[in-house]
């Protein structure tokens, strides 16, 4: 009997050891490049219920959505697309709403657009949010004249036919919109162009994008799909870098957009692991595009703009598949935290990123149902991580165990850190292992350590979601699992969790 009890005790001890790993993490005390607030940007396309029912309800902007987004300090919002940008003609959606042109959204569901939400409404929305607008211009079906006219309408403070038309439509002062995308996904839905042809189009369009007094124009070239490094090489070589602020890149977690990707809520550890491995590829992809850009821009004057990212699953059953409405689980929050850590660690080149998409589409921050609204797990990640906006990055090095599934493995923990203008250090940690705790040990040398406080986001299952019946199931909470131990900070991270710490 005693021997059996001893075996039982040994087995229990081994189980505890297997269920917990140690992570050694060091943070430099030397501040690096600033993490641009625009890395925490968002994307809202005229797609499904993102604009209509999401931001806009017939004749007004939804203020409950605005107030929720103001809380997380949304810095920049991209619009009108996406693929829709290259079929969008801005004149269709200005002037009296009852006189606006009715069009067909041939990209997303063949639905009729009444264009009640247009340029003025979008810029009013940005004003309410206190964020910068980022407008994607139409290169696919538009003309240089059309884009040039749009800039004049928005940015010219003098008297011209277009500037006076803006005033007639209710806006006296120019908006001074700086960020402009010259097309979107020009390799695909934006025109099926070769990189050589697009580079010529970019040079042509950018020549007629004029900088009006009071506006610092920042043009963003249409960049690569995922790991198409050839596109980046050709475009960087052939465009005029002197008038280019950024080059975009798009990458979605899981498979290509038209393949079966699995449910947003009904999945096992096999698809969970696949999603985590896919998400972590962002580091490799950003690194390789940055290396190509370094060949032509060694001083890193041109930003890498990841203006579409996030997880793309199958649409929810019973919804229009072209509307890309999907639920949002703890898994998706872990993907958001991991991806933002990657961007923070590449802030020398990544100066803007835009999660796809803000409301009711893909990896949304907010879901709505008529007058009801809920915050998704991903929303809470952006709330926790907002402390990194405009802070200076700190180099993070760590030795983490692997999260293993079958014969494959990925690092179980990822991290980033920054120092804000008041000297506080923020550390964001993600444990993607769904079954094992991880104890993170951080030497405190060179770091403030008088006080440590934090927040955590986790839940019982990685499939847990917020619903309109249970809107608060997955949410951030105070974290008490970080303690000073001698000259170390010891952080006990539960499985499948995100922790953000503040050291003062």
Protein backbone atom coordinates (compact mmCIF):
# COMPACT_ATOMS: atom_id res chain seq x y z
CA UNK A 1 0.00 0.00 0.00
CA UNK A 2 2.81 2.40 0.94
CA UNK A 3 4.54 1.62 -2.35
CA UNK A 4 1.32 2.42 -4.27
CA UNK A 5 0.93 5.69 -2.38
CA UNK A 6 4.54 6.60 -3.21
CA UNK A 7 3.95 5.90 -6.91
CA UNK A 8 0.79 8.01 -6.80
CA UNK A 9 2.67 10.91 -5.20
CA UNK A 10 5.49 10.66 -7.75
CA UNK A 11 3.01 10.59 -10.61
CA UNK A 12 1.25 13.68 -9.23
CA UNK A 13 4.57 15.50 -8.87
CA UNK A 14 5.55 14.66 -12.46
CA UNK A 15 2.17 15.87 -13.67
CA UNK A 16 2.70 19.22 -11.94
CA UNK A 17 6.17 19.53 -13.45
CA UNK A 18 4.84 18.73 -16.92
CA UNK A 19 2.04 21.26 -16.55
CA UNK A 20 4.36 24.16 -15.86
CA UNK A 21 7.44 25.51 -17.69
CA UNK A 22 9.97 28.20 -16.94
CA UNK A 23 10.72 31.06 -19.33
CA UNK A 24 13.83 33.20 -18.97
CA UNK A 25 13.21 36.69 -20.35
CA UNK A 26 15.53 39.70 -20.40
CA UNK A 27 14.69 43.29 -21.30
CA UNK A 28 17.29 45.86 -22.32
CA UNK A 29 17.31 49.13 -20.39
CA UNK A 30 18.15 51.06 -23.59
CA UNK A 31 15.20 52.59 -25.40
CA UNK A 32 14.88 51.77 -29.09
CA UNK A 33 12.68 53.22 -31.86
CA UNK A 34 9.28 54.60 -30.98
CA UNK A 35 6.30 52.30 -31.41
CA UNK A 36 4.03 54.38 -33.60
CA UNK A 37 0.50 54.67 -32.29
CA UNK A 38 -0.62 53.81 -35.83
CA UNK A 39 0.55 50.22 -35.34
CA UNK A 40 -2.69 49.96 -33.33
CA UNK A 41 -4.83 51.08 -36.26
CA UNK A 42 -8.02 49.59 -37.67
CA UNK A 43 -9.73 48.94 -40.98
CA UNK A 44 -13.37 49.43 -41.95
CA UNK A 45 -14.45 48.41 -45.42
CA UNK A 46 -17.84 48.86 -47.03
CA UNK A 47 -18.37 45.12 -46.59
CA UNK A 48 -21.23 43.23 -44.99
CA UNK A 49 -22.34 44.95 -41.78
CA UNK A 50 -19.13 46.79 -40.94
CA UNK A 51 -20.33 50.24 -42.05
CA UNK A 52 -24.09 49.73 -42.38
CA UNK A 53 -25.43 48.39 -39.03
CA UNK A 54 -21.94 48.67 -37.56
CA UNK A 55 -20.94 52.33 -37.65
CA UNK A 56 -23.98 53.72 -39.45
CA UNK A 57 -27.68 53.19 -38.87
CA UNK A 58 -29.58 54.83 -41.70
CA UNK A 59 -28.88 58.48 -40.99
CA UNK A 60 -26.47 58.67 -38.07
CA UNK A 61 -23.25 57.33 -36.58
CA UNK A 62 -23.62 54.86 -33.70
CA UNK A 63 -22.27 56.62 -30.64
CA UNK A 64 -22.09 53.43 -28.52
CA UNK A 65 -19.55 52.08 -31.02
CA UNK A 66 -17.70 55.40 -31.07
CA UNK A 67 -17.42 55.55 -27.27
CA UNK A 68 -16.10 51.99 -27.09
CA UNK A 69 -13.43 52.71 -29.69
CA UNK A 70 -12.42 56.01 -28.07
CA UNK A 71 -11.63 54.09 -24.90
CA UNK A 72 -8.93 52.05 -26.67
CA UNK A 73 -7.55 55.18 -28.37
CA UNK A 74 -8.00 54.10 -31.98
CA UNK A 75 -5.27 56.12 -33.73
CA UNK A 76 -6.10 55.66 -37.42
CA UNK A 77 -8.95 54.18 -39.47
CA UNK A 78 -8.65 52.85 -43.03
CA UNK A 79 -11.57 53.12 -45.50
CA UNK A 80 -13.39 52.44 -47.95
CA UNK A 81 -11.47 49.21 -48.60
CA UNK A 82 -10.10 46.68 -49.20
CA UNK A 83 -11.29 45.29 -52.48
CA UNK A 84 -14.22 47.70 -52.42
CA UNK A 85 -11.86 50.67 -52.76
CA UNK A 86 -11.07 49.84 -56.38
CA UNK A 87 -14.72 49.92 -57.39
CA UNK A 88 -15.58 52.96 -55.25
CA UNK A 89 -16.15 56.36 -56.88
CA UNK A 90 -16.22 59.07 -54.26
CA UNK A 91 -18.61 61.41 -56.11
CA UNK A 92 -21.35 58.76 -55.77
CA UNK A 93 -21.52 59.43 -52.03
CA UNK A 94 -21.44 63.20 -51.49
CA UNK A 95 -24.21 65.79 -51.41
CA UNK A 96 -27.81 65.33 -50.20
CA UNK A 97 -28.27 61.70 -49.21
CA UNK A 98 -31.57 61.31 -51.04
CA UNK A 99 -29.83 62.32 -54.27
CA UNK A 100 -26.81 60.03 -54.02
CA UNK A 101 -26.18 57.36 -56.59
CA UNK A 102 -27.34 53.82 -55.83
CA UNK A 103 -24.63 51.32 -56.76
CA UNK A 104 -24.01 47.58 -56.58
CA UNK A 105 -21.29 46.14 -54.37
CA UNK A 106 -20.10 43.53 -56.85
CA UNK A 107 -17.22 42.45 -54.61
CA UNK A 108 -19.15 41.65 -51.44
CA UNK A 109 -22.50 40.00 -52.06
CA UNK A 110 -23.99 41.94 -55.01
CA UNK A 111 -25.97 44.10 -52.59
CA UNK A 112 -27.29 47.56 -53.39
CA UNK A 113 -25.42 50.47 -51.80
CA UNK A 114 -27.40 53.63 -51.08
CA UNK A 115 -24.13 55.50 -50.39
CA UNK A 116 -25.63 57.26 -47.37
CA UNK A 117 -22.23 56.78 -45.73
CA UNK A 118 -19.59 58.56 -47.80
CA UNK A 119 -16.63 60.90 -47.52
CA UNK A 120 -18.27 63.44 -45.17
CA UNK A 121 -19.67 60.74 -42.89
CA UNK A 122 -16.36 58.87 -42.72
CA UNK A 123 -14.44 62.00 -41.81
CA UNK A 124 -17.07 62.95 -39.26
CA UNK A 125 -16.59 59.48 -37.75
CA UNK A 126 -12.82 60.01 -37.57
CA UNK A 127 -13.40 63.36 -35.89
CA UNK A 128 -15.64 61.76 -33.26
CA UNK A 129 -13.05 59.04 -32.66
CA UNK A 130 -10.21 61.54 -32.52
CA UNK A 131 -8.25 59.46 -35.04
CA UNK A 132 -6.53 60.08 -38.35
CA UNK A 133 -8.25 58.96 -41.56
CA UNK A 134 -6.48 56.68 -44.04
CA UNK A 135 -8.20 56.66 -47.42
CA UNK A 136 -7.58 53.98 -50.05
CA UNK A 137 -7.82 55.48 -53.53
CA UNK A 138 -9.28 53.77 -56.58
CA UNK A 139 -6.55 52.67 -58.99
CA UNK A 140 -8.26 49.53 -60.33
CA UNK A 141 -11.32 51.11 -61.98
CA UNK A 142 -10.53 54.78 -61.37
CA UNK A 143 -8.28 57.36 -62.95
CA UNK A 144 -5.49 59.65 -61.75
CA UNK A 145 -7.90 62.56 -62.31
CA UNK A 146 -10.51 61.04 -59.99
CA UNK A 147 -8.01 60.55 -57.18
CA UNK A 148 -6.47 63.98 -57.74
CA UNK A 149 -9.91 65.57 -57.53
CA UNK A 150 -10.68 63.74 -54.29
CA UNK A 151 -7.52 65.16 -52.70
CA UNK A 152 -8.43 68.66 -53.87
CA UNK A 153 -11.98 68.31 -52.54
CA UNK A 154 -10.67 67.28 -49.12
CA UNK A 155 -7.49 69.30 -48.72
CA UNK A 156 -7.63 72.59 -50.64
CA UNK A 157 -8.44 75.65 -48.53
CA UNK A 158 -8.68 78.12 -51.41
CA UNK A 159 -11.45 78.62 -53.93
CA UNK A 160 -11.94 76.14 -56.75
CA UNK A 161 -14.96 74.33 -58.12
CA UNK A 162 -14.21 71.26 -55.99
CA UNK A 163 -13.33 73.14 -52.80
CA UNK A 164 -16.49 75.23 -53.15
CA UNK A 165 -18.49 72.04 -53.72
CA UNK A 166 -17.16 70.77 -50.38
CA UNK A 167 -18.36 73.97 -48.75
CA UNK A 168 -21.74 73.63 -50.45
CA UNK A 169 -21.96 70.13 -48.94
CA UNK A 170 -21.42 71.48 -45.44
CA UNK A 171 -17.68 71.52 -44.78
CA UNK A 172 -16.01 74.92 -44.80
CA UNK A 173 -12.47 74.01 -43.74
CA UNK A 174 -10.39 71.33 -45.45
CA UNK A 175 -9.82 68.05 -43.63
CA UNK A 176 -6.10 67.89 -44.47
CA UNK A 177 -6.09 64.11 -44.96
CA UNK A 178 -2.48 62.93 -44.99
CA UNK A 179 -2.61 59.14 -45.43
CA UNK A 180 -3.59 57.88 -48.90
CA UNK A 181 -3.31 54.39 -50.30
CA UNK A 182 -2.59 54.30 -54.02
CA UNK A 183 -4.76 51.30 -54.76
CA UNK A 184 -5.31 48.11 -52.76
CA UNK A 185 -4.20 44.56 -53.49
CA UNK A 186 -3.28 45.58 -57.01
CA UNK A 187 -1.96 42.04 -57.53
CA UNK A 188 -5.51 40.70 -57.10
CA UNK A 189 -8.92 42.34 -56.67
CA UNK A 190 -7.37 45.76 -57.28
CA UNK A 191 -6.61 45.03 -60.93
CA UNK A 192 -4.72 41.70 -61.27
CA UNK A 193 -1.57 43.66 -62.09
CA UNK A 194 2.02 42.51 -62.32
CA UNK A 195 4.42 44.33 -59.98
CA UNK A 196 6.08 45.97 -62.97
CA UNK A 197 2.78 47.32 -64.27
CA UNK A 198 1.67 48.47 -60.82
CA UNK A 199 4.94 50.31 -60.21
CA UNK A 200 4.27 52.30 -63.40
CA UNK A 201 0.73 53.04 -62.27
CA UNK A 202 1.99 54.18 -58.88
CA UNK A 203 4.45 56.59 -60.48
CA UNK A 204 1.64 57.94 -62.67
CA UNK A 205 -0.94 58.34 -59.90
CA UNK A 206 1.49 59.74 -57.34
CA UNK A 207 2.52 62.46 -59.78
CA UNK A 208 -1.03 63.84 -59.66
CA UNK A 209 -1.50 63.44 -55.89
CA UNK A 210 -0.74 67.01 -54.86
CA UNK A 211 0.31 68.27 -51.46
CA UNK A 212 -1.91 71.22 -50.56
CA UNK A 213 -0.85 73.81 -47.96
CA UNK A 214 -1.44 72.56 -44.43
CA UNK A 215 -1.21 68.86 -45.35
CA UNK A 216 1.78 66.54 -45.17
CA UNK A 217 0.82 64.00 -47.85
CA UNK A 218 1.82 60.41 -47.02
CA UNK A 219 1.33 58.05 -49.96
CA UNK A 220 1.24 54.29 -49.40
CA UNK A 221 1.98 51.97 -52.32
CA UNK A 222 -0.02 48.77 -52.74
CA UNK A 223 2.24 45.99 -51.50
CA UNK A 224 2.49 42.25 -51.39
CA UNK A 225 0.19 39.41 -50.55
CA UNK A 226 1.71 37.46 -47.68
CA UNK A 227 5.15 36.09 -48.67
CA UNK A 228 5.37 37.49 -52.23
CA UNK A 229 8.82 39.00 -51.77
CA UNK A 230 9.22 39.39 -55.54
CA UNK A 231 6.41 41.97 -55.54
CA UNK A 232 8.16 43.96 -52.82
CA UNK A 233 11.48 43.80 -54.66
CA UNK A 234 10.09 45.04 -57.97
CA UNK A 235 7.94 47.80 -56.49
CA UNK A 236 10.68 49.11 -54.19
CA UNK A 237 13.08 49.13 -57.15
CA UNK A 238 10.75 50.77 -59.67
CA UNK A 239 8.70 53.38 -57.77
CA UNK A 240 9.83 56.83 -56.70
CA UNK A 241 10.81 56.35 -53.05
CA UNK A 242 11.18 60.08 -52.45
CA UNK A 243 7.40 60.58 -52.54
CA UNK A 244 6.46 57.25 -50.88
CA UNK A 245 5.68 57.16 -47.17
CA UNK A 246 4.90 53.46 -46.97
CA UNK A 247 4.47 50.12 -48.70
CA UNK A 248 1.61 47.89 -47.62
CA UNK A 249 1.52 44.14 -46.97
CA UNK A 250 -1.43 41.86 -46.19
CA UNK A 251 -1.34 38.63 -44.23
CA UNK A 252 -4.22 36.66 -42.71
CA UNK A 253 -3.95 33.86 -40.16
CA UNK A 254 -5.12 30.51 -41.56
CA UNK A 255 -5.54 29.65 -45.21
CA UNK A 256 -6.28 31.74 -48.28
CA UNK A 257 -9.58 33.61 -48.29
CA UNK A 258 -11.60 31.22 -50.46
CA UNK A 259 -10.52 27.92 -48.89
CA UNK A 260 -12.32 26.12 -46.07
CA UNK A 261 -10.73 27.46 -42.90
CA UNK A 262 -12.95 26.03 -40.19
CA UNK A 263 -15.45 27.41 -37.72
CA UNK A 264 -14.73 30.45 -35.57
CA UNK A 265 -16.17 28.63 -32.55
CA UNK A 266 -16.27 24.86 -33.16
CA UNK A 267 -12.65 23.71 -33.36
CA UNK A 268 -10.28 21.44 -31.51
CA UNK A 269 -6.63 21.70 -30.58
CA UNK A 270 -5.60 20.64 -34.11
CA UNK A 271 -7.05 23.79 -35.69
CA UNK A 272 -6.03 25.87 -32.66
CA UNK A 273 -2.41 24.85 -33.15
CA UNK A 274 -2.63 25.43 -36.90
CA UNK A 275 -3.91 28.96 -36.27
CA UNK A 276 -1.13 29.73 -33.78
CA UNK A 277 1.57 28.46 -36.14
CA UNK A 278 0.03 30.47 -38.99
CA UNK A 279 -0.11 33.59 -36.82
CA UNK A 280 3.55 33.28 -35.79
CA UNK A 281 4.59 33.31 -39.46
CA UNK A 282 3.98 37.07 -39.34
CA UNK A 283 7.44 37.49 -37.77
CA UNK A 284 9.17 35.70 -40.64
CA UNK A 285 7.13 37.51 -43.28
CA UNK A 286 7.75 40.96 -41.80
CA UNK A 287 11.46 40.18 -41.42
CA UNK A 288 11.87 39.06 -45.03
CA UNK A 289 9.91 41.98 -46.52
CA UNK A 290 11.95 44.34 -44.35
CA UNK A 291 15.17 42.77 -45.66
CA UNK A 292 14.05 43.35 -49.25
CA UNK A 293 13.12 46.95 -48.45
CA UNK A 294 16.55 47.45 -46.83
CA UNK A 295 18.19 46.83 -50.23
CA UNK A 296 16.60 49.98 -51.65
CA UNK A 297 15.95 51.94 -48.47
CA UNK A 298 18.72 51.19 -45.96
CA UNK A 299 17.81 54.21 -43.82
CA UNK A 300 14.28 52.82 -43.38
CA UNK A 301 12.51 55.96 -44.54
CA UNK A 302 9.69 53.94 -46.17
CA UNK A 303 7.36 52.30 -43.65
CA UNK A 304 6.09 48.74 -43.91
CA UNK A 305 2.33 49.11 -43.50
CA UNK A 306 0.51 45.90 -42.55
CA UNK A 307 -2.87 47.41 -43.32
CA UNK A 308 -4.79 44.12 -43.34
CA UNK A 309 -4.17 41.40 -40.77
CA UNK A 310 -6.10 39.09 -38.48
CA UNK A 311 -7.68 35.65 -38.47
CA UNK A 312 -10.05 34.73 -41.30
CA UNK A 313 -12.41 31.84 -40.53
CA UNK A 314 -15.56 30.56 -42.19
CA UNK A 315 -18.54 32.89 -41.88
CA UNK A 316 -21.04 32.10 -39.14
CA UNK A 317 -23.71 29.57 -40.20
CA UNK A 318 -26.91 31.23 -41.38
CA UNK A 319 -25.22 34.47 -42.43
CA UNK A 320 -24.38 35.72 -45.92
CA UNK A 321 -20.95 34.15 -46.62
CA UNK A 322 -19.95 37.25 -48.60
CA UNK A 323 -20.41 39.39 -45.47
CA UNK A 324 -17.51 37.64 -43.64
CA UNK A 325 -19.24 37.79 -40.24
CA UNK A 326 -17.40 35.59 -37.74
CA UNK A 327 -17.39 35.15 -33.99
CA UNK A 328 -14.32 36.02 -31.93
CA UNK A 329 -12.86 33.66 -29.34
CA UNK A 330 -10.06 33.62 -26.79
CA UNK A 331 -7.94 32.02 -29.54
CA UNK A 332 -8.40 35.15 -31.65
CA UNK A 333 -7.35 37.36 -28.75
CA UNK A 334 -4.15 35.31 -28.38
CA UNK A 335 -3.53 35.83 -32.10
CA UNK A 336 -4.03 39.58 -31.70
CA UNK A 337 -1.67 39.79 -28.72
CA UNK A 338 0.98 37.71 -30.48
CA UNK A 339 0.77 39.73 -33.68
CA UNK A 340 0.99 43.06 -31.85
CA UNK A 341 4.07 41.77 -30.02
CA UNK A 342 5.63 41.00 -33.40
CA UNK A 343 4.88 44.50 -34.66
CA UNK A 344 6.27 46.07 -31.49
CA UNK A 345 9.50 44.15 -32.03
CA UNK A 346 9.76 45.38 -35.65
CA UNK A 347 8.95 49.01 -35.00
CA UNK A 348 12.06 50.17 -36.89
CA UNK A 349 10.18 49.30 -40.11
CA UNK A 350 6.52 48.66 -39.20
CA UNK A 351 4.98 52.12 -38.68
CA UNK A 352 1.32 51.29 -39.26
CA UNK A 353 -0.95 48.26 -39.07
CA UNK A 354 -4.73 47.92 -39.44
CA UNK A 355 -6.68 45.02 -37.99
CA UNK A 356 -9.35 43.63 -40.32
CA UNK A 357 -12.01 44.67 -39.44
CA UNK A 358 -13.46 46.96 -36.79
CA UNK A 359 -17.14 45.94 -36.56
CA UNK A 360 -19.02 42.77 -37.61
CA UNK A 361 -16.43 41.60 -40.18
CA UNK A 362 -13.54 39.13 -39.78
CA UNK A 363 -11.59 39.64 -36.50
CA UNK A 364 -13.86 42.39 -35.26
CA UNK A 365 -13.46 44.39 -32.07
CA UNK A 366 -17.22 44.91 -31.81
CA UNK A 367 -20.29 42.91 -32.82
CA UNK A 368 -23.73 44.46 -33.13
CA UNK A 369 -27.28 43.16 -33.35
CA UNK A 370 -29.73 45.97 -34.05
CA UNK A 371 -29.37 48.29 -31.02
CA UNK A 372 -27.26 45.79 -29.05
CA UNK A 373 -23.46 45.82 -29.00
CA UNK A 374 -20.78 43.61 -27.46
CA UNK A 375 -17.01 43.79 -27.10
CA UNK A 376 -15.03 40.81 -28.36
CA UNK A 377 -11.98 39.26 -26.68
CA UNK A 378 -9.82 41.01 -29.30
CA UNK A 379 -11.18 44.37 -28.15
CA UNK A 380 -9.74 43.77 -24.68
CA UNK A 381 -6.30 43.04 -26.15
CA UNK A 382 -6.23 46.46 -27.80
CA UNK A 383 -7.41 48.01 -24.53
CA UNK A 384 -4.57 46.33 -22.61
CA UNK A 385 -1.92 47.07 -25.26
CA UNK A 386 -2.75 50.74 -25.77
CA UNK A 387 0.01 51.54 -23.25
CA UNK A 388 2.55 50.80 -26.01
CA UNK A 389 1.28 53.59 -28.29
CA UNK A 390 4.10 56.12 -28.93
CA UNK A 391 6.29 54.49 -26.26
CA UNK A 392 9.87 53.51 -27.05
CA UNK A 393 10.49 49.86 -27.76
CA UNK A 394 12.81 47.80 -25.57
CA UNK A 395 14.71 44.78 -26.88
CA UNK A 396 13.28 41.57 -25.46
CA UNK A 397 15.23 38.31 -25.44
CA UNK A 398 13.88 35.09 -24.02
CA UNK A 399 14.33 31.36 -23.88
CA UNK A 400 10.88 29.81 -23.97
CA UNK A 401 9.82 26.15 -24.05
CA UNK A 402 7.89 24.86 -27.00
CA UNK A 403 4.18 24.29 -27.27
CA UNK A 404 4.06 20.89 -28.98
CA UNK A 405 1.18 19.32 -30.82
CA UNK A 406 1.78 15.97 -32.50
CA UNK A 407 5.17 16.13 -34.19
CA UNK A 408 5.16 19.93 -34.57
CA UNK A 409 6.12 22.68 -32.15
CA UNK A 410 6.12 26.47 -31.79
CA UNK A 411 7.40 28.76 -29.00
CA UNK A 412 4.90 28.72 -26.13
CA UNK A 413 5.49 32.32 -25.06
CA UNK A 414 6.05 35.57 -26.93
CA UNK A 415 6.60 39.07 -25.60
CA UNK A 416 7.31 42.74 -26.25
CA UNK A 417 8.15 45.70 -24.03
CA UNK A 418 8.28 49.48 -24.12
CA UNK A 419 9.11 52.51 -21.98
CA UNK A 420 6.63 55.40 -21.99
CA UNK A 421 7.34 59.13 -21.67
CA UNK A 422 6.94 58.98 -17.88
CA UNK A 423 9.54 56.22 -17.56
CA UNK A 424 7.12 53.36 -16.85
CA UNK A 425 7.94 50.04 -18.53
CA UNK A 426 5.17 47.89 -19.98
CA UNK A 427 5.67 44.21 -20.75
CA UNK A 428 3.12 42.28 -22.82
CA UNK A 429 3.28 38.49 -22.57
CA UNK A 430 1.30 35.81 -24.39
CA UNK A 431 1.22 32.15 -23.37
CA UNK A 432 -0.30 30.30 -26.31
CA UNK A 433 0.04 26.87 -24.71
CA UNK A 434 -3.56 25.84 -23.91
CA UNK A 435 -2.67 23.24 -21.26
CA UNK A 436 0.49 24.37 -19.45
CA UNK A 437 1.30 27.24 -17.15
CA UNK A 438 4.47 29.19 -17.83
CA UNK A 439 6.55 30.91 -15.20
CA UNK A 440 8.34 33.91 -16.71
CA UNK A 441 11.42 35.20 -14.88
CA UNK A 442 12.60 38.72 -15.73
CA UNK A 443 15.83 40.22 -14.28
CA UNK A 444 14.98 43.66 -12.92
CA UNK A 445 18.39 45.23 -13.51
CA UNK A 446 17.88 48.59 -15.24
CA UNK A 447 14.08 48.39 -14.95
CA UNK A 448 11.82 50.33 -12.55
CA UNK A 449 10.62 48.04 -9.78
CA UNK A 450 9.00 50.05 -7.00
CA UNK A 451 5.57 48.84 -8.08
CA UNK A 452 4.21 46.15 -10.39
CA UNK A 453 0.63 45.91 -11.54
CA UNK A 454 -1.03 44.20 -14.45
CA UNK A 455 -4.03 42.94 -16.37
CA UNK A 456 -4.84 39.50 -17.71
CA UNK A 457 -7.12 38.12 -20.40
CA UNK A 458 -7.93 34.42 -20.28
CA UNK A 459 -10.85 32.01 -20.02
CA UNK A 460 -11.62 28.38 -19.28
CA UNK A 461 -11.55 27.29 -22.95
CA UNK A 462 -9.81 28.68 -26.01
CA UNK A 463 -13.17 28.46 -27.82
CA UNK A 464 -14.90 30.78 -25.34
CA UNK A 465 -16.65 33.78 -26.90
CA UNK A 466 -18.78 36.72 -25.84
CA UNK A 467 -22.40 36.55 -26.97
CA UNK A 468 -25.34 38.90 -26.69
CA UNK A 469 -26.67 36.60 -23.94
CA UNK A 470 -23.27 36.47 -22.19
CA UNK A 471 -21.43 39.61 -23.30
CA UNK A 472 -18.86 39.51 -20.49
CA UNK A 473 -17.69 35.92 -20.55
CA UNK A 474 -14.19 36.80 -21.84
CA UNK A 475 -12.83 40.09 -20.53
CA UNK A 476 -9.70 41.60 -19.01
CA UNK A 477 -9.21 41.63 -15.25
CA UNK A 478 -6.64 42.67 -12.66
CA UNK A 479 -3.63 40.34 -12.56
CA UNK A 480 -1.96 39.40 -9.29
CA UNK A 481 0.40 36.73 -10.56
CA UNK A 482 3.52 38.91 -10.82
CA UNK A 483 5.79 39.21 -7.80
CA UNK A 484 9.28 40.51 -7.11
CA UNK A 485 11.65 37.81 -5.90
CA UNK A 486 15.06 39.23 -5.10
CA UNK A 487 16.38 40.80 -8.29
CA UNK A 488 13.81 39.05 -10.45
CA UNK A 489 10.23 39.57 -11.48
CA UNK A 490 8.39 36.25 -11.44
CA UNK A 491 5.23 36.04 -13.52
CA UNK A 492 2.92 33.03 -13.25
CA UNK A 493 1.02 32.81 -16.54
CA UNK A 494 -2.00 30.50 -16.81
CA UNK A 495 -2.49 28.46 -19.98
CA UNK A 496 -3.84 30.42 -22.98
CA UNK A 497 -3.44 33.83 -21.44
CA UNK A 498 -2.35 37.39 -22.21
CA UNK A 499 -0.74 39.52 -19.51
CA UNK A 500 0.31 43.17 -19.66
CA UNK A 501 2.44 44.45 -16.77
CA UNK A 502 3.34 47.97 -15.74
CA UNK A 503 6.58 48.55 -13.85
CA UNK A 504 7.14 51.90 -12.13
